[in-house]
Protein backbone atom coordinates (compact mmCIF):
# COMPACT_ATOMS: atom_id res chain seq x y z
CA UNK A 1 18.54 -7.94 -32.24
CA UNK A 2 14.45 -9.39 -32.04
CA UNK A 3 12.01 -6.90 -31.07
CA UNK A 4 8.03 -7.15 -30.01
CA UNK A 5 6.81 -5.53 -33.11
CA UNK A 6 4.46 -3.46 -31.32
CA UNK A 7 6.14 -2.01 -28.75
CA UNK A 8 7.67 1.45 -29.39
CA UNK A 9 10.56 2.37 -28.50
CA UNK A 10 12.97 6.02 -26.40
CA UNK A 11 16.68 6.20 -27.42
CA UNK A 12 18.94 7.75 -24.52
CA UNK A 13 22.19 9.92 -24.73
CA UNK A 14 24.31 11.03 -22.68
CA UNK A 15 27.35 12.89 -23.46
CA UNK A 16 30.03 13.52 -22.13
CA UNK A 17 33.52 15.18 -22.82
CA UNK A 18 34.84 12.07 -24.47
CA UNK A 19 32.37 10.08 -24.35
CA UNK A 20 29.21 9.07 -25.31
CA UNK A 21 26.50 6.63 -23.71
CA UNK A 22 23.29 5.39 -24.42
CA UNK A 23 20.84 3.45 -24.26
CA UNK A 24 17.50 1.88 -25.98
CA UNK A 25 14.54 0.97 -24.33
CA UNK A 26 11.24 -0.60 -25.26
CA UNK A 27 7.26 0.11 -23.92
CA UNK A 28 7.34 3.84 -22.94
CA UNK A 29 4.99 3.11 -20.65
CA UNK A 30 7.53 1.19 -18.53
CA UNK A 31 10.34 2.17 -20.16
CA UNK A 32 12.70 -1.48 -19.35
CA UNK A 33 16.16 -1.52 -21.38
CA UNK A 34 17.02 -3.38 -24.16
CA UNK A 35 20.89 -2.16 -25.75
CA UNK A 36 22.85 -0.40 -23.58
CA UNK A 37 25.91 1.54 -25.34
CA UNK A 38 29.47 4.31 -25.19
CA UNK A 39 31.22 5.21 -28.16
CA UNK A 40 34.43 6.03 -26.34
CA UNK A 41 37.94 8.24 -27.00
CA UNK A 42 35.71 10.95 -29.14
CA UNK A 43 38.27 13.26 -31.42
CA UNK A 44 40.66 10.22 -31.03
CA UNK A 45 41.85 7.96 -33.84
CA UNK A 46 40.88 4.94 -31.74
CA UNK A 47 37.55 5.69 -31.14
CA UNK A 48 35.16 2.79 -30.61
CA UNK A 49 31.48 2.18 -30.27
CA UNK A 50 30.81 -0.70 -27.64
CA UNK A 51 27.15 -2.11 -27.39
CA UNK A 52 25.91 -4.60 -25.26
CA UNK A 53 22.72 -6.60 -26.44
CA UNK A 54 20.28 -7.16 -23.18
CA UNK A 55 18.03 -9.08 -25.36
CA UNK A 56 20.53 -11.61 -27.50
CA UNK A 57 23.23 -11.38 -24.25
CA UNK A 58 25.85 -10.64 -26.71
CA UNK A 59 28.70 -7.64 -27.08
CA UNK A 60 29.94 -5.52 -29.76
CA UNK A 61 33.33 -3.97 -30.37
CA UNK A 62 33.39 -1.95 -33.57
CA UNK A 63 36.54 1.05 -34.49
CA UNK A 64 34.52 3.73 -35.96
CA UNK A 65 35.27 7.71 -37.47
CA UNK A 66 33.63 10.06 -34.56
CA UNK A 67 36.21 13.71 -34.87
CA UNK A 68 33.32 15.11 -32.66
CA UNK A 69 30.38 14.73 -31.21
CA UNK A 70 27.91 15.77 -33.24
CA UNK A 71 29.72 12.69 -36.06
CA UNK A 72 28.54 10.93 -33.41
CA UNK A 73 25.27 11.11 -33.92
CA UNK A 74 25.26 9.55 -38.32
CA UNK A 75 27.22 6.72 -35.97
CA UNK A 76 24.59 6.16 -33.22
CA UNK A 77 21.53 6.49 -35.84
CA UNK A 78 23.26 4.09 -38.34
CA UNK A 79 24.11 1.39 -35.80
CA UNK A 80 19.72 1.92 -34.91
CA UNK A 81 18.78 1.92 -38.47
CA UNK A 82 20.94 -1.75 -38.63
CA UNK A 83 18.57 -3.07 -36.08
CA UNK A 84 15.03 -1.36 -35.95
CA UNK A 85 12.31 0.54 -37.26
CA UNK A 86 13.33 3.86 -37.12
CA UNK A 87 9.52 4.71 -37.42
CA UNK A 88 9.55 3.09 -33.72
CA UNK A 89 11.19 5.22 -32.32
CA UNK A 90 9.09 7.84 -30.14
CA UNK A 91 11.83 10.30 -28.42
CA UNK A 92 15.43 10.58 -27.91
CA UNK A 93 15.69 11.38 -23.89
CA UNK A 94 19.92 13.68 -24.04
CA UNK A 95 20.88 14.31 -19.83
CA UNK A 96 21.69 17.82 -20.00
CA UNK A 97 23.85 18.70 -17.06
CA UNK A 98 22.89 22.58 -16.91
CA UNK A 99 19.78 23.86 -17.03
CA UNK A 100 20.37 27.42 -14.94
CA UNK A 101 18.10 29.85 -14.02
CA UNK A 102 14.88 28.34 -16.35
CA UNK A 103 15.18 24.85 -16.41
CA UNK A 104 14.09 22.37 -13.17
CA UNK A 105 12.29 19.65 -14.81
CA UNK A 106 12.18 17.74 -18.42
CA UNK A 107 11.26 19.62 -21.08
CA UNK A 108 10.16 19.14 -25.14
CA UNK A 109 13.46 20.16 -26.82
CA UNK A 110 12.59 24.02 -28.60
CA UNK A 111 14.27 26.98 -30.77
CA UNK A 112 13.89 28.93 -27.21
CA UNK A 113 15.25 26.14 -24.96
CA UNK A 114 18.85 26.14 -27.47
CA UNK A 115 18.58 30.15 -27.29
CA UNK A 116 19.04 30.25 -23.16
CA UNK A 117 21.43 26.81 -23.06
CA UNK A 118 24.11 28.01 -26.43
CA UNK A 119 23.61 31.65 -23.17
CA UNK A 120 24.75 30.05 -20.43
CA UNK A 121 27.17 27.50 -22.33
CA UNK A 122 29.75 29.15 -20.55
CA UNK A 123 28.35 28.20 -17.22
CA UNK A 124 29.22 24.24 -17.94
CA UNK A 125 31.76 24.92 -20.57
CA UNK A 126 33.23 20.95 -20.72
CA UNK A 127 29.34 19.75 -21.39
CA UNK A 128 26.60 22.11 -22.64
CA UNK A 129 28.45 22.29 -26.27
CA UNK A 130 28.64 19.21 -27.39
CA UNK A 131 25.25 18.59 -25.44
CA UNK A 132 23.92 21.45 -28.11
CA UNK A 133 25.56 19.78 -30.29
CA UNK A 134 23.77 16.38 -30.14
CA UNK A 135 20.40 17.79 -30.21
CA UNK A 136 20.97 19.44 -33.36
CA UNK A 137 22.22 17.03 -34.93
CA UNK A 138 19.30 14.07 -34.38
CA UNK A 139 17.41 17.64 -35.21
CA UNK A 140 19.18 17.59 -39.02
CA UNK A 141 18.76 13.27 -39.12
CA UNK A 142 15.69 13.51 -37.96
CA UNK A 143 13.68 17.16 -37.94
CA UNK A 144 10.20 15.42 -36.41
CA UNK A 145 11.90 13.17 -33.98
CA UNK A 146 10.81 14.22 -30.27
CA UNK A 147 14.14 15.24 -28.14
CA UNK A 148 13.15 15.72 -25.02
CA UNK A 149 16.06 17.44 -22.29
CA UNK A 150 16.23 16.12 -18.84
CA UNK A 151 18.51 18.59 -16.09
CA UNK A 152 21.18 17.21 -13.58
CA UNK A 153 20.69 20.64 -12.33
CA UNK A 154 17.10 19.60 -11.57
CA UNK A 155 17.28 17.46 -8.37
CA UNK A 156 18.66 20.74 -6.52
CA UNK A 157 16.26 23.10 -7.51
CA UNK A 158 14.61 23.83 -4.66
CA UNK A 159 17.12 23.55 -2.22
CA UNK A 160 16.63 26.15 0.88
CA UNK A 161 17.19 29.87 -0.61
CA UNK A 162 21.14 29.47 2.20
CA UNK A 163 21.71 26.85 0.40
CA UNK A 164 22.39 28.18 -3.02
CA UNK A 165 23.91 31.56 -1.92
CA UNK A 166 26.87 32.47 -3.46
CA UNK A 167 29.18 34.93 -0.47
CA UNK A 168 29.33 37.20 -3.23
CA UNK A 169 27.92 40.51 -4.68
CA UNK A 170 24.22 39.88 -4.83
CA UNK A 171 24.14 41.45 -8.04
CA UNK A 172 25.21 38.50 -9.64
CA UNK A 173 22.59 36.55 -8.32
CA UNK A 174 20.11 37.89 -10.26
CA UNK A 175 22.49 37.22 -13.40
CA UNK A 176 22.44 33.10 -12.63
CA UNK A 177 25.57 32.48 -10.40
CA UNK A 178 24.42 30.36 -7.65
CA UNK A 179 24.63 27.02 -6.10
CA UNK A 180 22.62 24.76 -8.51
CA UNK A 181 24.13 21.39 -7.93
CA UNK A 182 24.92 18.37 -10.12
CA UNK A 183 24.27 14.32 -10.27
CA UNK A 184 20.80 15.20 -10.27
CA UNK A 185 19.37 12.23 -12.48
CA UNK A 186 21.72 9.76 -10.64
CA UNK A 187 19.75 11.19 -7.44
CA UNK A 188 16.44 11.25 -8.50
CA UNK A 189 17.08 7.52 -9.51
CA UNK A 190 18.27 6.61 -5.68
CA UNK A 191 15.64 8.20 -4.47
CA UNK A 192 12.75 6.43 -6.65
CA UNK A 193 14.64 3.04 -5.80
CA UNK A 194 15.03 3.63 -2.12
CA UNK A 195 10.93 4.25 -1.95
CA UNK A 196 11.16 0.91 -3.53
CA UNK A 197 13.62 -1.82 -2.20
CA UNK A 198 14.08 0.41 0.99
CA UNK A 199 12.46 -0.04 4.80
CA UNK A 200 9.11 1.86 4.81
CA UNK A 201 9.22 5.36 5.65
CA UNK A 202 13.57 5.16 4.55
CA UNK A 203 13.58 7.23 1.46
CA UNK A 204 11.54 9.85 3.61
CA UNK A 205 14.57 10.22 6.78
CA UNK A 206 18.21 11.83 7.18
CA UNK A 207 19.99 11.00 3.74
CA UNK A 208 23.53 11.29 2.56
CA UNK A 209 23.95 9.72 -1.27
CA UNK A 210 27.30 9.71 -2.37
CA UNK A 211 27.80 9.60 -6.15
CA UNK A 212 31.24 9.04 -6.13
CA UNK A 213 33.11 8.33 -9.67
CA UNK A 214 35.12 10.10 -12.20
CA UNK A 215 32.73 13.05 -11.05
CA UNK A 216 32.37 12.76 -7.48
CA UNK A 217 29.56 14.45 -4.93
CA UNK A 218 27.21 14.16 -2.21
CA UNK A 219 23.38 15.72 -1.56
CA UNK A 220 21.80 15.69 1.20
CA UNK A 221 18.22 15.19 2.03
CA UNK A 222 15.49 14.69 3.94
CA UNK A 223 11.80 14.16 3.92
CA UNK A 224 13.02 13.37 0.56
CA UNK A 225 13.56 17.07 -0.46
CA UNK A 226 17.11 17.87 -1.56
CA UNK A 227 18.72 20.30 1.29
CA UNK A 228 22.12 20.91 0.07
CA UNK A 229 25.34 19.62 -2.27
CA UNK A 230 28.64 19.34 -2.58
CA UNK A 231 29.14 20.86 -6.20
CA UNK A 232 28.22 24.61 -6.71
CA UNK A 233 28.09 26.85 -9.83
CA UNK A 234 29.95 24.54 -11.29
CA UNK A 235 31.06 20.89 -11.34
CA UNK A 236 34.28 21.89 -10.96
CA UNK A 237 33.30 22.02 -6.45
CA UNK A 238 33.41 20.48 -3.85
CA UNK A 239 35.19 16.53 -3.19
CA UNK A 240 38.47 15.68 -4.75
CA UNK A 241 37.46 13.88 -7.93
CA UNK A 242 39.27 12.23 -10.44
CA UNK A 243 40.95 14.86 -12.59
CA UNK A 244 38.83 17.66 -11.37
CA UNK A 245 40.38 19.71 -7.62
CA UNK A 246 36.92 19.81 -6.24
CA UNK A 247 36.73 23.30 -3.92
CA UNK A 248 39.70 25.87 -3.95
CA UNK A 249 41.52 29.11 -2.54
CA UNK A 250 40.52 31.83 -5.06
CA UNK A 251 43.08 33.63 -3.72
CA UNK A 252 44.76 30.71 -5.86
CA UNK A 253 43.68 32.25 -9.09
CA UNK A 254 45.55 35.61 -9.24
CA UNK A 255 48.48 33.78 -7.81
CA UNK A 256 49.30 31.68 -10.25
CA UNK A 257 48.77 34.47 -12.81
CA UNK A 258 51.40 36.46 -11.12
CA UNK A 259 54.18 33.65 -10.45
CA UNK A 260 53.25 31.39 -12.79
CA UNK A 261 52.11 33.54 -15.91
CA UNK A 262 48.95 31.46 -16.15
CA UNK A 263 45.90 32.89 -18.13
CA UNK A 264 42.15 31.97 -17.25
CA UNK A 265 42.14 29.31 -19.99
CA UNK A 266 44.92 27.61 -18.70
CA UNK A 267 43.71 27.68 -14.58
CA UNK A 268 40.40 26.23 -16.08
CA UNK A 269 42.75 23.35 -17.97
CA UNK A 270 44.31 22.71 -15.02
CA UNK A 271 41.28 22.34 -12.32
CA UNK A 272 39.13 20.32 -14.17
CA UNK A 273 41.52 18.42 -16.47
CA UNK A 274 44.75 18.42 -14.53
CA UNK A 275 44.56 17.96 -11.03
CA UNK A 276 42.64 15.84 -8.38
CA UNK A 277 43.60 12.28 -8.02
CA UNK A 278 45.56 12.95 -11.59
CA UNK A 279 47.31 15.71 -9.80
CA UNK A 280 48.55 14.88 -6.57
CA UNK A 281 48.87 11.05 -7.86
CA UNK A 282 51.35 12.78 -10.65
CA UNK A 283 50.31 8.62 -12.18
CA UNK A 284 46.50 8.00 -12.43
CA UNK A 285 43.28 9.55 -12.26
CA UNK A 286 42.02 6.35 -11.56
CA UNK A 287 41.58 4.91 -8.40
CA UNK A 288 41.77 1.50 -9.35
CA UNK A 289 45.39 2.09 -10.81
CA UNK A 290 45.94 4.14 -7.15
CA UNK A 291 44.40 1.52 -4.59
CA UNK A 292 47.52 -0.97 -6.83
CA UNK A 293 50.13 1.33 -6.60
CA UNK A 294 49.73 3.33 -2.76
CA UNK A 295 52.12 0.44 -1.00
CA UNK A 296 54.97 1.46 -3.77
CA UNK A 297 54.11 4.71 -4.18
CA UNK A 298 53.47 8.24 -1.44
CA UNK A 299 52.01 9.59 -4.09
CA UNK A 300 49.45 6.89 -5.00
CA UNK A 301 48.77 6.72 -1.38
CA UNK A 302 48.60 10.18 -0.63
CA UNK A 303 45.47 10.71 -2.93
CA UNK A 304 43.64 8.09 -2.03
CA UNK A 305 43.90 9.15 1.23
CA UNK A 306 43.29 13.15 0.43
CA UNK A 307 40.34 11.51 -1.15
CA UNK A 308 38.69 9.54 1.62
CA UNK A 309 39.19 12.66 4.40
CA UNK A 310 37.72 14.92 2.11
CA UNK A 311 34.10 12.44 1.33
CA UNK A 312 34.65 11.86 5.81
CA UNK A 313 34.48 15.68 5.87
CA UNK A 314 31.77 16.44 3.39
CA UNK A 315 29.96 13.43 5.17
CA UNK A 316 29.85 15.29 8.39
CA UNK A 317 28.99 18.67 6.96
CA UNK A 318 25.54 17.15 4.75
CA UNK A 319 24.99 15.91 8.33
CA UNK A 320 25.13 18.70 10.07
CA UNK A 321 22.67 20.03 7.46
CA UNK A 322 20.69 17.58 8.29
CA UNK A 323 20.13 17.49 12.29
CA UNK A 324 22.03 13.92 11.50
CA UNK A 325 22.29 10.43 9.71
CA UNK A 326 19.81 8.15 9.23
CA UNK A 327 21.20 6.37 5.63
CA UNK A 328 24.20 6.58 3.94
CA UNK A 329 23.83 5.50 0.57
CA UNK A 330 27.13 4.90 -1.87
CA UNK A 331 26.99 4.51 -5.48
CA UNK A 332 28.64 5.19 -8.65
CA UNK A 333 32.05 3.94 -10.28
CA UNK A 334 34.04 4.06 -6.96
CA UNK A 335 30.91 4.19 -4.83
CA UNK A 336 29.56 0.94 -6.11
CA UNK A 337 33.00 -0.95 -6.62
CA UNK A 338 35.49 -0.02 -4.13
CA UNK A 339 35.69 -1.74 -0.90
CA UNK A 340 38.19 -0.06 0.45
CA UNK A 341 37.30 3.06 -0.06
CA UNK A 342 33.88 3.16 1.21
CA UNK A 343 35.79 1.61 4.71
CA UNK A 344 38.23 4.65 4.62
CA UNK A 345 35.58 7.15 4.53
CA UNK A 346 33.20 5.85 6.60
CA UNK A 347 36.22 4.96 9.88
CA UNK A 348 35.80 7.76 12.40
CA UNK A 349 32.26 8.22 11.15
CA UNK A 350 31.06 6.44 13.98
CA UNK A 351 29.69 9.28 16.06
CA UNK A 352 26.84 9.69 13.41
CA UNK A 353 25.91 6.01 14.29
CA UNK A 354 28.31 5.06 11.08
CA UNK A 355 29.67 1.50 11.26
CA UNK A 356 30.12 -1.37 8.65
CA UNK A 357 30.49 -4.82 8.50
CA UNK A 358 33.47 -6.14 6.98
CA UNK A 359 31.83 -9.12 5.42
CA UNK A 360 28.87 -6.98 3.85
CA UNK A 361 31.12 -4.44 2.90
CA UNK A 362 34.10 -6.48 1.01
CA UNK A 363 30.69 -8.44 -1.04
CA UNK A 364 29.30 -5.20 -1.63
CA UNK A 365 25.87 -6.28 -0.50
CA UNK A 366 23.48 -4.07 -0.71
CA UNK A 367 23.33 -2.89 3.07
CA UNK A 368 26.96 -2.97 4.38
CA UNK A 369 26.45 -1.95 7.34
CA UNK A 370 25.58 -4.16 10.77
CA UNK A 371 21.86 -5.22 11.82
CA UNK A 372 22.09 -2.92 14.56
CA UNK A 373 23.33 0.05 13.11
CA UNK A 374 21.95 3.42 14.23
CA UNK A 375 22.68 4.72 10.09
CA UNK A 376 21.81 2.27 8.13
CA UNK A 377 25.21 2.28 5.14
CA UNK A 378 23.87 0.65 1.74
CA UNK A 379 25.11 0.44 -1.73
CA UNK A 380 23.15 1.51 -4.61
CA UNK A 381 23.78 0.58 -8.98
CA UNK A 382 22.64 4.32 -10.35
CA UNK A 383 21.20 4.55 -13.53
CA UNK A 384 20.99 8.04 -15.11
CA UNK A 385 19.57 6.44 -18.50
CA UNK A 386 16.51 4.54 -16.93
CA UNK A 387 15.60 8.57 -14.98
CA UNK A 388 16.62 9.36 -18.15
CA UNK A 389 14.07 6.49 -20.07
CA UNK A 390 11.03 7.29 -17.32
CA UNK A 391 11.15 11.22 -17.46
CA UNK A 392 10.93 10.60 -21.20
CA UNK A 393 8.07 7.76 -21.27
CA UNK A 394 6.23 10.15 -18.41
CA UNK A 395 6.42 13.40 -20.71
CA UNK A 396 5.19 12.17 -23.72
CA UNK A 397 2.24 10.44 -21.66
CA UNK A 398 1.66 13.76 -20.44
CA UNK A 399 1.50 15.54 -23.94
């Protein structure tokens, strides 16, 4: 990797439950990606590091030993030290899924922040512990390197109070039990990009942003501000997802405890790992697999139908909170790459002004609605890493 020696670097880190995505950006004044990579299958014998070198336009893949997220930091730093001067690394930006009641904007990592994140780890046990371990591992290797936390919940922080309330005893609200919403870094990027490429005033209209990937959610935005979202206190709620159930009748917990002897931990595993598309199809959590199987497997067909039905129902609900719909945006893995799913979701939304141009949709064009459609339907690539890098650059400039 050959880089201009005068440029500073920003590293972004996005830790999932079994993977770690990272990206290296140069020129903190206007971050541009120079490398993107992943460490996949963390904790398994076949853990692999994959890097796409944007500058040299080549890819590399190598097996690594990474039994946990802390070990991934060593793998990542070893890779960096072989390719860049670490003194040029100005900061590390971390995606932190949950900011709780305290954090609603990017902030420098401090001991008090880590203490608070440890306290609220039960809010999101799938993400927060591993994200904390990544921060701590970087601190041990490079104790003077600034680290900046960027929170997925921040985008939704100023939703109307009625959209934040959970209908449970009010004393729990004071303890932090409320609707938070997630995928905020993705939504922030989409809003910024829509302001750049959209028609005049489009980003200030009535928008529904659909982040449809392994994790799936939607956000309603009006006048550039978050109004409501599908996810709630945890990322398990809302839409049907690859492995997460989405919304469920809370009475299931008591029923399964009585009839199946299911513990809280077993229920938690079921709704986060064993449900969603995987649970209904009994074959795969990957929408691509299900689309190939649906003609011969009614379970796959039902899983797809449920996903599209739930998505369509949520679009109707969110449009009601907005008082109508001007733009619908599809994004993330399924939203960007599955025209058949986009078409099925939009079928029946004509009353909201949603229509699709079949050829544009199949081609995955930027706008897939006809020119005379009352509501614009867009396909937009999301980039959480770029949003993190931009936030880090702005904080560095401010401080």
